[in-house]
Protein backbone atom coordinates (compact mmCIF):
# COMPACT_ATOMS: atom_id res chain seq x y z
CA UNK A 1 112.77 192.84 150.76
CA UNK A 2 115.72 191.15 148.44
CA UNK A 3 119.23 192.16 147.85
CA UNK A 4 118.72 193.16 144.21
CA UNK A 5 116.02 196.15 145.14
CA UNK A 6 117.89 197.48 147.94
CA UNK A 7 121.07 198.11 145.29
CA UNK A 8 118.93 199.63 143.11
CA UNK A 9 117.89 201.95 145.91
CA UNK A 10 121.20 202.46 146.77
CA UNK A 11 122.02 203.38 143.19
CA UNK A 12 118.99 206.00 143.18
CA UNK A 13 120.43 207.77 146.04
CA UNK A 14 124.04 207.76 144.73
CA UNK A 15 122.77 209.23 141.33
CA UNK A 16 120.12 212.07 143.31
CA UNK A 17 123.33 212.96 145.55
CA UNK A 18 125.28 213.43 142.41
CA UNK A 19 122.61 215.62 140.65
CA UNK A 20 122.30 217.74 143.52
CA UNK A 21 126.29 218.09 143.89
CA UNK A 22 126.05 219.04 139.99
CA UNK A 23 123.11 221.55 140.66
CA UNK A 24 125.58 222.83 143.50
CA UNK A 25 128.66 223.12 141.22
CA UNK A 26 126.33 224.92 138.81
CA UNK A 27 125.00 227.31 141.15
CA UNK A 28 128.89 228.18 142.20
CA UNK A 29 130.04 228.35 138.74
CA UNK A 30 126.69 230.70 137.75
CA UNK A 31 127.43 233.06 140.51
CA UNK A 32 131.19 233.14 139.92
CA UNK A 33 130.34 234.32 136.34
CA UNK A 34 128.22 236.85 137.32
CA UNK A 35 130.76 238.32 140.02
CA UNK A 36 133.53 238.30 137.54
CA UNK A 37 131.19 240.11 134.80
CA UNK A 38 131.10 242.68 136.97
CA UNK A 39 127.17 242.81 137.41
CA UNK A 40 127.63 243.76 141.08
CA UNK A 41 126.28 240.31 142.56
CA UNK A 42 126.02 241.13 146.47
CA UNK A 43 126.94 238.64 148.99
CA UNK A 44 123.13 237.72 149.98
CA UNK A 45 122.50 236.51 146.71
CA UNK A 46 125.58 234.26 146.64
CA UNK A 47 124.79 233.32 150.35
CA UNK A 48 120.83 232.73 149.29
CA UNK A 49 122.04 230.47 146.17
CA UNK A 50 124.34 228.25 148.11
CA UNK A 51 121.27 227.86 151.08
CA UNK A 52 118.76 227.18 148.33
CA UNK A 53 121.54 224.38 146.90
CA UNK A 54 121.91 222.99 150.21
CA UNK A 55 118.44 222.91 151.19
CA UNK A 56 117.52 220.83 147.77
CA UNK A 57 120.21 218.84 148.32
CA UNK A 58 119.20 218.14 151.87
CA UNK A 59 115.29 217.44 150.74
CA UNK A 60 116.51 215.06 148.06
CA UNK A 61 118.42 213.24 150.59
CA UNK A 62 115.97 213.38 153.45
CA UNK A 63 113.24 211.40 150.73
CA UNK A 64 115.97 208.75 149.39
CA UNK A 65 116.57 208.19 153.70
CA UNK A 66 112.78 207.88 154.18
CA UNK A 67 112.85 206.01 150.88
CA UNK A 68 115.33 203.75 152.37
CA UNK A 69 114.02 203.63 155.65
CA UNK A 70 110.58 202.67 154.36
CA UNK A 71 112.28 199.59 152.77
CA UNK A 72 114.67 198.82 155.45
CA UNK A 73 112.57 198.98 158.51
CA UNK A 74 110.41 195.77 157.40
CA UNK A 75 113.74 193.98 156.61
CA UNK A 76 115.15 194.67 159.95
CA UNK A 77 111.98 193.68 161.79
CA UNK A 78 111.77 190.23 159.55
CA UNK A 79 115.17 189.05 160.93
CA UNK A 80 114.34 189.94 164.41
CA UNK A 81 111.32 187.78 163.99
CA UNK A 82 113.42 185.15 162.35
CA UNK A 83 116.34 185.65 165.42
CA UNK A 84 113.04 184.87 167.99
CA UNK A 85 111.80 182.14 166.11
CA UNK A 86 115.30 180.32 166.15
CA UNK A 87 115.51 181.00 169.37
CA UNK A 88 112.39 179.59 170.38
CA UNK A 89 113.24 176.31 168.44
CA UNK A 90 116.68 176.41 169.90
CA UNK A 91 115.00 176.02 173.22
CA UNK A 92 112.68 173.37 172.10
CA UNK A 93 115.52 171.48 170.90
CA UNK A 94 117.12 171.76 174.51
CA UNK A 95 113.98 170.21 176.00
CA UNK A 96 113.70 167.67 173.59
CA UNK A 97 117.52 166.64 174.35
CA UNK A 98 116.80 166.61 177.83
CA UNK A 99 113.76 164.24 177.83
CA UNK A 100 115.96 162.11 175.75
CA UNK A 101 118.63 161.61 177.92
CA UNK A 102 116.04 161.35 180.84
CA UNK A 103 114.76 158.19 178.75
CA UNK A 104 118.02 156.65 178.24
CA UNK A 105 118.81 156.92 182.16
CA UNK A 106 115.72 155.71 183.03
CA UNK A 107 115.91 152.67 180.53
CA UNK A 108 119.36 152.14 181.65
CA UNK A 109 118.19 152.40 185.32
CA UNK A 110 115.22 149.76 184.71
CA UNK A 111 117.75 147.08 182.98
CA UNK A 112 120.09 147.39 185.87
CA UNK A 113 117.56 147.08 188.51
CA UNK A 114 115.87 144.14 186.55
CA UNK A 115 119.64 142.01 186.19
CA UNK A 116 119.97 142.56 190.08
CA UNK A 117 116.76 141.61 190.51
CA UNK A 118 117.25 138.40 188.35
CA UNK A 119 120.58 137.38 190.05
CA UNK A 120 118.69 137.84 193.47
CA UNK A 121 116.04 135.38 192.64
CA UNK A 122 118.24 132.89 191.16
CA UNK A 123 120.48 133.06 194.27
CA UNK A 124 117.31 133.14 196.76
CA UNK A 125 115.73 129.95 194.72
CA UNK A 126 119.13 127.86 194.72
CA UNK A 127 120.33 128.53 198.26
CA UNK A 128 117.59 127.74 200.72
CA UNK A 129 117.19 124.08 199.62
CA UNK A 130 120.77 123.15 197.89
CA UNK A 131 122.78 124.93 200.36
CA UNK A 132 123.32 122.02 202.48
CA UNK A 133 123.69 119.43 199.93
CA UNK A 134 126.54 121.52 198.36
CA UNK A 135 128.05 121.64 201.65
CA UNK A 136 128.10 118.11 201.91
CA UNK A 137 129.23 117.48 198.43
CA UNK A 138 132.03 119.87 198.68
CA UNK A 139 133.22 118.27 202.24
CA UNK A 140 133.33 114.77 200.27
CA UNK A 141 135.41 116.02 197.53
CA UNK A 142 138.09 117.75 199.79
CA UNK A 143 138.45 114.68 201.99
CA UNK A 144 138.69 112.79 198.20
CA UNK A 145 141.39 115.16 196.98
CA UNK A 146 143.42 114.45 200.21
CA UNK A 147 143.26 110.91 199.78
CA UNK A 148 144.81 111.10 196.72
CA UNK A 149 147.44 113.32 197.31
CA UNK A 150 148.58 110.78 200.15
CA UNK A 151 148.67 108.16 197.61
CA UNK A 152 150.15 109.83 194.99
CA UNK A 153 147.75 112.48 193.17
CA UNK A 154 150.06 114.95 192.76
CA UNK A 155 151.72 113.05 189.54
CA UNK A 156 151.47 115.17 186.39
CA UNK A 157 149.48 112.98 183.84
CA UNK A 158 149.37 113.87 180.35
CA UNK A 159 149.12 112.15 176.81
CA UNK A 160 151.57 111.21 174.69
CA UNK A 161 152.11 109.42 171.26
CA UNK A 162 153.80 106.17 171.49
CA UNK A 163 154.25 104.60 167.86
CA UNK A 164 151.41 106.31 166.33
CA UNK A 165 149.03 105.31 169.47
CA UNK A 166 148.01 108.17 172.12
CA UNK A 167 148.06 106.71 175.57
CA UNK A 168 148.31 107.77 179.11
CA UNK A 169 151.77 109.02 180.27
CA UNK A 170 153.34 110.16 183.65
CA UNK A 171 155.87 112.85 183.90
CA UNK A 172 159.10 111.78 185.34
CA UNK A 173 162.49 113.62 185.98
CA UNK A 174 165.70 112.64 183.84
CA UNK A 175 167.46 110.88 186.64
CA UNK A 176 164.78 109.18 188.07
CA UNK A 177 165.05 106.54 190.90
CA UNK A 178 164.38 103.52 189.66
CA UNK A 179 162.98 100.55 191.73
CA UNK A 180 162.19 96.87 190.85
CA UNK A 181 159.95 94.60 192.90
CA UNK A 182 158.20 91.55 191.88
CA UNK A 183 159.47 91.77 188.23
CA UNK A 184 158.13 95.15 187.90
CA UNK A 185 159.81 98.86 187.22
CA UNK A 186 159.26 101.80 189.44
CA UNK A 187 160.43 105.16 189.58
CA UNK A 188 159.89 108.08 191.64
CA UNK A 189 157.56 111.19 189.65
CA UNK A 190 157.90 114.72 189.32
CA UNK A 191 156.86 116.26 192.63
CA UNK A 192 157.77 113.59 195.39
């Protein structure tokens, strides 16, 4: 049922209530007129008229109530059914969200396990055969570094621009000690 029909029924109800109220007033006016004219209307007659008017108004009100209930009850049933459908849809959506989050968790776990497995496999493939050779190479490099340090390997070498040419150069302190030997000039570099 749409709103227009509901409002139309409410307007009919108001009209019937106004008509019943008008009838009651008319009866009361007639009773007063009769009593004033002195025709000797008894209390029982006035009471009967009022009772009849009340019963007529109650009958009209009951008819309107029944008509409204006949129209409103299906509307309420439809609203309740819609609420039930909405609850079922909400439950289904919650189930889909749970399934989707479970899939995301499982995918993330599979990717992480694949990365760990690849790392372990790479380490296993390189380690058994190459480990002794790598240890020997490391020992040789350490020996070379120690020999270079003994021969002045702590010198800070760089690249310098001398008259438009980039050449290797060595960092020396400003007041470097100079030594001459065999016609050559030597200085003590930084770090010694």
